[in-house]
Amino acid sequence: GTTTQAMTPFLVDVPELTVVTNSLT
């Protein structure tokens, strides 16, 4: 989704993070 995609720049500084997604974008 375009709204959830807006989260991605704000996740880069979270240590030891695993992200599961069904979005290729």
PDB file of all heavy atoms in Angstrom:
ATOM      1  N   GLY A   1       0.822  -1.205   0.000  1.00  0.00           N
ATOM      2  CA  GLY A   1       0.000   0.000   0.000  1.00  0.00           C
ATOM      3  C   GLY A   1       0.849   1.244   0.000  1.00  0.00           C
ATOM      4  O   GLY A   1       1.982   1.239   0.492  1.00  0.00           O
ATOM      5  N   THR A   2       0.314   2.337  -0.528  1.00  0.00           N
ATOM      6  CA  THR A   2       1.086   3.574  -0.599  1.00  0.00           C
ATOM      7  C   THR A   2       1.253   4.225   0.770  1.00  0.00           C
ATOM      8  O   THR A   2       2.232   4.940   1.002  1.00  0.00           O
ATOM      9  CB  THR A   2       0.421   4.564  -1.562  1.00  0.00           C
ATOM     10  OG1 THR A   2      -0.925   4.827  -1.130  1.00  0.00           O
ATOM     11  CG2 THR A   2       0.369   4.011  -2.973  1.00  0.00           C
ATOM     12  N   THR A   3       0.316   3.997   1.692  1.00  0.00           N
ATOM     13  CA  THR A   3       0.444   4.587   3.030  1.00  0.00           C
ATOM     14  C   THR A   3       1.484   3.839   3.845  1.00  0.00           C
ATOM     15  O   THR A   3       2.344   4.452   4.485  1.00  0.00           O
ATOM     16  CB  THR A   3      -0.909   4.590   3.758  1.00  0.00           C
ATOM     17  OG1 THR A   3      -1.894   5.206   2.922  1.00  0.00           O
ATOM     18  CG2 THR A   3      -0.821   5.374   5.059  1.00  0.00           C
ATOM     19  N   THR A   4       1.431   2.514   3.831  1.00  0.00           N
ATOM     20  CA  THR A   4       2.426   1.735   4.572  1.00  0.00           C
ATOM     21  C   THR A   4       3.815   1.921   3.975  1.00  0.00           C
ATOM     22  O   THR A   4       4.814   1.892   4.706  1.00  0.00           O
ATOM     23  CB  THR A   4       2.055   0.248   4.573  1.00  0.00           C
ATOM     24  OG1 THR A   4       1.698  -0.149   3.244  1.00  0.00           O
ATOM     25  CG2 THR A   4       0.880  -0.027   5.503  1.00  0.00           C
ATOM     26  N   GLN A   5       3.887   2.116   2.687  1.00  0.00           N
ATOM     27  CA  GLN A   5       5.189   2.336   2.062  1.00  0.00           C
ATOM     28  C   GLN A   5       5.872   3.586   2.608  1.00  0.00           C
ATOM     29  O   GLN A   5       7.101   3.676   2.652  1.00  0.00           O
ATOM     30  CB  GLN A   5       5.033   2.442   0.547  1.00  0.00           C
ATOM     31  CG  GLN A   5       6.363   2.511  -0.202  1.00  0.00           C
ATOM     32  CD  GLN A   5       6.162   2.577  -1.704  1.00  0.00           C
ATOM     33  OE1 GLN A   5       5.107   2.198  -2.218  1.00  0.00           O
ATOM     34  NE2 GLN A   5       7.161   3.061  -2.411  1.00  0.00           N
ATOM     35  N   ALA A   6       5.064   4.543   3.059  1.00  0.00           N
ATOM     36  CA  ALA A   6       5.625   5.776   3.620  1.00  0.00           C
ATOM     37  C   ALA A   6       6.390   5.527   4.908  1.00  0.00           C
ATOM     38  O   ALA A   6       7.131   6.394   5.376  1.00  0.00           O
ATOM     39  CB  ALA A   6       4.509   6.788   3.857  1.00  0.00           C
ATOM     40  N   MET A   7       6.221   4.326   5.514  1.00  0.00           N
ATOM     41  CA  MET A   7       6.982   3.990   6.719  1.00  0.00           C
ATOM     42  C   MET A   7       8.449   3.713   6.434  1.00  0.00           C
ATOM     43  O   MET A   7       9.303   3.886   7.317  1.00  0.00           O
ATOM     44  CB  MET A   7       6.398   2.730   7.386  1.00  0.00           C
ATOM     45  CG  MET A   7       5.162   2.903   8.190  1.00  0.00           C
ATOM     46  SD  MET A   7       4.741   1.343   9.032  1.00  0.00           S
ATOM     47  CE  MET A   7       6.131   1.178  10.177  1.00  0.00           C
ATOM     48  N   THR A   8       8.748   3.216   5.252  1.00  0.00           N
ATOM     49  CA  THR A   8      10.064   2.619   5.003  1.00  0.00           C
ATOM     50  C   THR A   8      11.260   3.535   5.306  1.00  0.00           C
ATOM     51  O   THR A   8      12.256   3.055   5.860  1.00  0.00           O
ATOM     52  CB  THR A   8      10.155   2.088   3.560  1.00  0.00           C
ATOM     53  OG1 THR A   8       9.857   3.141   2.626  1.00  0.00           O
ATOM     54  CG2 THR A   8       9.165   0.951   3.348  1.00  0.00           C
ATOM     55  N   PRO A   9      11.210   4.838   5.001  1.00  0.00           N
ATOM     56  CA  PRO A   9      12.386   5.655   5.329  1.00  0.00           C
ATOM     57  C   PRO A   9      12.647   5.767   6.834  1.00  0.00           C
ATOM     58  O   PRO A   9      13.769   6.062   7.240  1.00  0.00           O
ATOM     59  CB  PRO A   9      12.026   7.031   4.745  1.00  0.00           C
ATOM     60  CG  PRO A   9      10.961   6.769   3.746  1.00  0.00           C
ATOM     61  CD  PRO A   9      10.185   5.623   4.297  1.00  0.00           C
ATOM     62  N   PHE A  10      11.625   5.518   7.642  1.00  0.00           N
ATOM     63  CA  PHE A  10      11.752   5.696   9.087  1.00  0.00           C
ATOM     64  C   PHE A  10      12.101   4.403   9.821  1.00  0.00           C
ATOM     65  O   PHE A  10      12.174   4.380  11.046  1.00  0.00           O
ATOM     66  CB  PHE A  10      10.447   6.288   9.644  1.00  0.00           C
ATOM     67  CG  PHE A  10      10.016   7.532   8.920  1.00  0.00           C
ATOM     68  CD1 PHE A  10       8.927   7.512   8.055  1.00  0.00           C
ATOM     69  CD2 PHE A  10      10.719   8.721   9.062  1.00  0.00           C
ATOM     70  CE1 PHE A  10       8.537   8.649   7.362  1.00  0.00           C
ATOM     71  CE2 PHE A  10      10.339   9.865   8.377  1.00  0.00           C
ATOM     72  CZ  PHE A  10       9.243   9.829   7.524  1.00  0.00           C
ATOM     73  N   LEU A  11      12.342   3.341   9.061  1.00  0.00           N
ATOM     74  CA  LEU A  11      12.708   2.056   9.666  1.00  0.00           C
ATOM     75  C   LEU A  11      14.203   1.790   9.630  1.00  0.00           C
ATOM     76  O   LEU A  11      14.683   0.872  10.293  1.00  0.00           O
ATOM     77  CB  LEU A  11      11.984   0.913   8.933  1.00  0.00           C
ATOM     78  CG  LEU A  11      10.460   0.914   8.989  1.00  0.00           C
ATOM     79  CD1 LEU A  11       9.912  -0.209   8.107  1.00  0.00           C
ATOM     80  CD2 LEU A  11       9.963   0.755  10.427  1.00  0.00           C
ATOM     81  N   VAL A  12      14.930   2.598   8.879  1.00  0.00           N
ATOM     82  CA  VAL A  12      16.327   2.264   8.588  1.00  0.00           C
ATOM     83  C   VAL A  12      17.238   2.333   9.810  1.00  0.00           C
ATOM     84  O   VAL A  12      18.300   1.697   9.829  1.00  0.00           O
ATOM     85  CB  VAL A  12      16.886   3.163   7.464  1.00  0.00           C
ATOM     86  CG1 VAL A  12      16.112   2.924   6.175  1.00  0.00           C
ATOM     87  CG2 VAL A  12      16.837   4.631   7.854  1.00  0.00           C
ATOM     88  N   ASP A  13      16.835   3.061  10.835  1.00  0.00           N
ATOM     89  CA  ASP A  13      17.694   3.207  12.009  1.00  0.00           C
ATOM     90  C   ASP A  13      17.297   2.293  13.158  1.00  0.00           C
ATOM     91  O   ASP A  13      17.848   2.412  14.261  1.00  0.00           O
ATOM     92  CB  ASP A  13      17.680   4.666  12.495  1.00  0.00           C
ATOM     93  CG  ASP A  13      18.312   5.617  11.478  1.00  0.00           C
ATOM     94  OD1 ASP A  13      19.276   5.195  10.808  1.00  0.00           O
ATOM     95  OD2 ASP A  13      17.833   6.748  11.348  1.00  0.00           O
ATOM     96  N   VAL A  14      16.352   1.383  12.933  1.00  0.00           N
ATOM     97  CA  VAL A  14      15.948   0.450  13.986  1.00  0.00           C
ATOM     98  C   VAL A  14      16.908  -0.734  13.982  1.00  0.00           C
ATOM     99  O   VAL A  14      16.984  -1.465  12.984  1.00  0.00           O
ATOM    100  CB  VAL A  14      14.504  -0.044  13.770  1.00  0.00           C
ATOM    101  CG1 VAL A  14      14.097  -0.998  14.887  1.00  0.00           C
ATOM    102  CG2 VAL A  14      13.546   1.141  13.708  1.00  0.00           C
ATOM    103  N   PRO A  15      17.637  -0.969  15.076  1.00  0.00           N
ATOM    104  CA  PRO A  15      18.624  -2.054  15.081  1.00  0.00           C
ATOM    105  C   PRO A  15      17.978  -3.439  15.020  1.00  0.00           C
ATOM    106  O   PRO A  15      16.902  -3.665  15.561  1.00  0.00           O
ATOM    107  CB  PRO A  15      19.337  -1.868  16.433  1.00  0.00           C
ATOM    108  CG  PRO A  15      19.004  -0.471  16.870  1.00  0.00           C
ATOM    109  CD  PRO A  15      17.645  -0.194  16.316  1.00  0.00           C
ATOM    110  N   GLU A  16      18.657  -4.348  14.326  1.00  0.00           N
ATOM    111  CA  GLU A  16      18.289  -5.766  14.278  1.00  0.00           C
ATOM    112  C   GLU A  16      16.815  -5.967  13.921  1.00  0.00           C
ATOM    113  O   GLU A  16      16.105  -6.762  14.531  1.00  0.00           O
ATOM    114  CB  GLU A  16      18.604  -6.430  15.619  1.00  0.00           C
ATOM    115  CG  GLU A  16      20.075  -6.354  15.996  1.00  0.00           C
ATOM    116  CD  GLU A  16      20.362  -6.999  17.337  1.00  0.00           C
ATOM    117  OE1 GLU A  16      19.512  -7.755  17.832  1.00  0.00           O
ATOM    118  OE2 GLU A  16      21.443  -6.738  17.894  1.00  0.00           O
ATOM    119  N   LEU A  17      16.383  -5.285  12.893  1.00  0.00           N
ATOM    120  CA  LEU A  17      14.987  -5.336  12.478  1.00  0.00           C
ATOM    121  C   LEU A  17      14.790  -6.338  11.351  1.00  0.00           C
ATOM    122  O   LEU A  17      15.602  -6.417  10.420  1.00  0.00           O
ATOM    123  CB  LEU A  17      14.531  -3.949  12.008  1.00  0.00           C
ATOM    124  CG  LEU A  17      13.096  -3.833  11.471  1.00  0.00           C
ATOM    125  CD1 LEU A  17      12.088  -4.137  12.583  1.00  0.00           C
ATOM    126  CD2 LEU A  17      12.848  -2.442  10.885  1.00  0.00           C
ATOM    127  N   THR A  18      13.706  -7.107  11.443  1.00  0.00           N
ATOM    128  CA  THR A  18      13.288  -7.984  10.350  1.00  0.00           C
ATOM    129  C   THR A  18      11.919  -7.514   9.857  1.00  0.00           C
ATOM    130  O   THR A  18      10.999  -7.324  10.660  1.00  0.00           O
ATOM    131  CB  THR A  18      13.182  -9.444  10.811  1.00  0.00           C
ATOM    132  OG1 THR A  18      14.470  -9.899  11.252  1.00  0.00           O
ATOM    133  CG2 THR A  18      12.705 -10.345   9.666  1.00  0.00           C
ATOM    134  N   VAL A  19      11.798  -7.322   8.556  1.00  0.00           N
ATOM    135  CA  VAL A  19      10.546  -6.864   7.960  1.00  0.00           C
ATOM    136  C   VAL A  19      10.017  -7.947   7.013  1.00  0.00           C
ATOM    137  O   VAL A  19      10.710  -8.369   6.089  1.00  0.00           O
ATOM    138  CB  VAL A  19      10.726  -5.549   7.180  1.00  0.00           C
ATOM    139  CG1 VAL A  19       9.410  -5.143   6.504  1.00  0.00           C
ATOM    140  CG2 VAL A  19      11.197  -4.437   8.109  1.00  0.00           C
ATOM    141  N   VAL A  20       8.808  -8.383   7.284  1.00  0.00           N
ATOM    142  CA  VAL A  20       8.096  -9.318   6.413  1.00  0.00           C
ATOM    143  C   VAL A  20       7.110  -8.507   5.573  1.00  0.00           C
ATOM    144  O   VAL A  20       6.396  -7.660   6.111  1.00  0.00           O
ATOM    145  CB  VAL A  20       7.330 -10.373   7.244  1.00  0.00           C
ATOM    146  CG1 VAL A  20       6.567 -11.324   6.330  1.00  0.00           C
ATOM    147  CG2 VAL A  20       8.287 -11.130   8.158  1.00  0.00           C
ATOM    148  N   THR A  21       7.073  -8.762   4.273  1.00  0.00           N
ATOM    149  CA  THR A  21       6.157  -7.984   3.435  1.00  0.00           C
ATOM    150  C   THR A  21       5.643  -8.803   2.265  1.00  0.00           C
ATOM    151  O   THR A  21       6.321  -9.731   1.792  1.00  0.00           O
ATOM    152  CB  THR A  21       6.830  -6.695   2.910  1.00  0.00           C
ATOM    153  OG1 THR A  21       5.867  -5.890   2.214  1.00  0.00           O
ATOM    154  CG2 THR A  21       7.992  -7.007   1.984  1.00  0.00           C
ATOM    155  N   ASN A  22       4.445  -8.465   1.812  1.00  0.00           N
ATOM    156  CA  ASN A  22       3.905  -9.045   0.580  1.00  0.00           C
ATOM    157  C   ASN A  22       3.926  -8.023  -0.545  1.00  0.00           C
ATOM    158  O   ASN A  22       3.277  -8.216  -1.573  1.00  0.00           O
ATOM    159  CB  ASN A  22       2.479  -9.566   0.792  1.00  0.00           C
ATOM    160  CG  ASN A  22       1.476  -8.442   1.008  1.00  0.00           C
ATOM    161  OD1 ASN A  22       1.794  -7.411   1.613  1.00  0.00           O
ATOM    162  ND2 ASN A  22       0.252  -8.627   0.538  1.00  0.00           N
ATOM    163  N   SER A  23       4.691  -6.957  -0.362  1.00  0.00           N
ATOM    164  CA  SER A  23       4.783  -5.884  -1.347  1.00  0.00           C
ATOM    165  C   SER A  23       6.159  -5.876  -2.002  1.00  0.00           C
ATOM    166  O   SER A  23       7.181  -5.714  -1.317  1.00  0.00           O
ATOM    167  CB  SER A  23       4.535  -4.521  -0.685  1.00  0.00           C
ATOM    168  OG  SER A  23       4.922  -3.459  -1.545  1.00  0.00           O
ATOM    169  N   LEU A  24       6.210  -6.038  -3.313  1.00  0.00           N
ATOM    170  CA  LEU A  24       7.488  -5.967  -4.010  1.00  0.00           C
ATOM    171  C   LEU A  24       8.060  -4.553  -3.957  1.00  0.00           C
ATOM    172  O   LEU A  24       9.282  -4.375  -3.884  1.00  0.00           O
ATOM    173  CB  LEU A  24       7.311  -6.412  -5.463  1.00  0.00           C
ATOM    174  CG  LEU A  24       6.878  -7.861  -5.681  1.00  0.00           C
ATOM    175  CD1 LEU A  24       6.828  -8.183  -7.171  1.00  0.00           C
ATOM    176  CD2 LEU A  24       7.810  -8.824  -4.965  1.00  0.00           C
ATOM    177  N   THR A  25       7.193  -3.552  -3.972  1.00  0.00           N
ATOM    178  CA  THR A  25       7.655  -2.164  -3.909  1.00  0.00           C
ATOM    179  C   THR A  25       8.358  -1.888  -2.595  1.00  0.00           C
ATOM    180  O   THR A  25       9.439  -1.270  -2.558  1.00  0.00           O
ATOM    181  CB  THR A  25       6.468  -1.200  -4.076  1.00  0.00           C
ATOM    182  OG1 THR A  25       5.766  -1.524  -5.277  1.00  0.00           O
ATOM    183  CG2 THR A  25       6.944   0.236  -4.153  1.00  0.00           C
TER     184      THR A  25
END
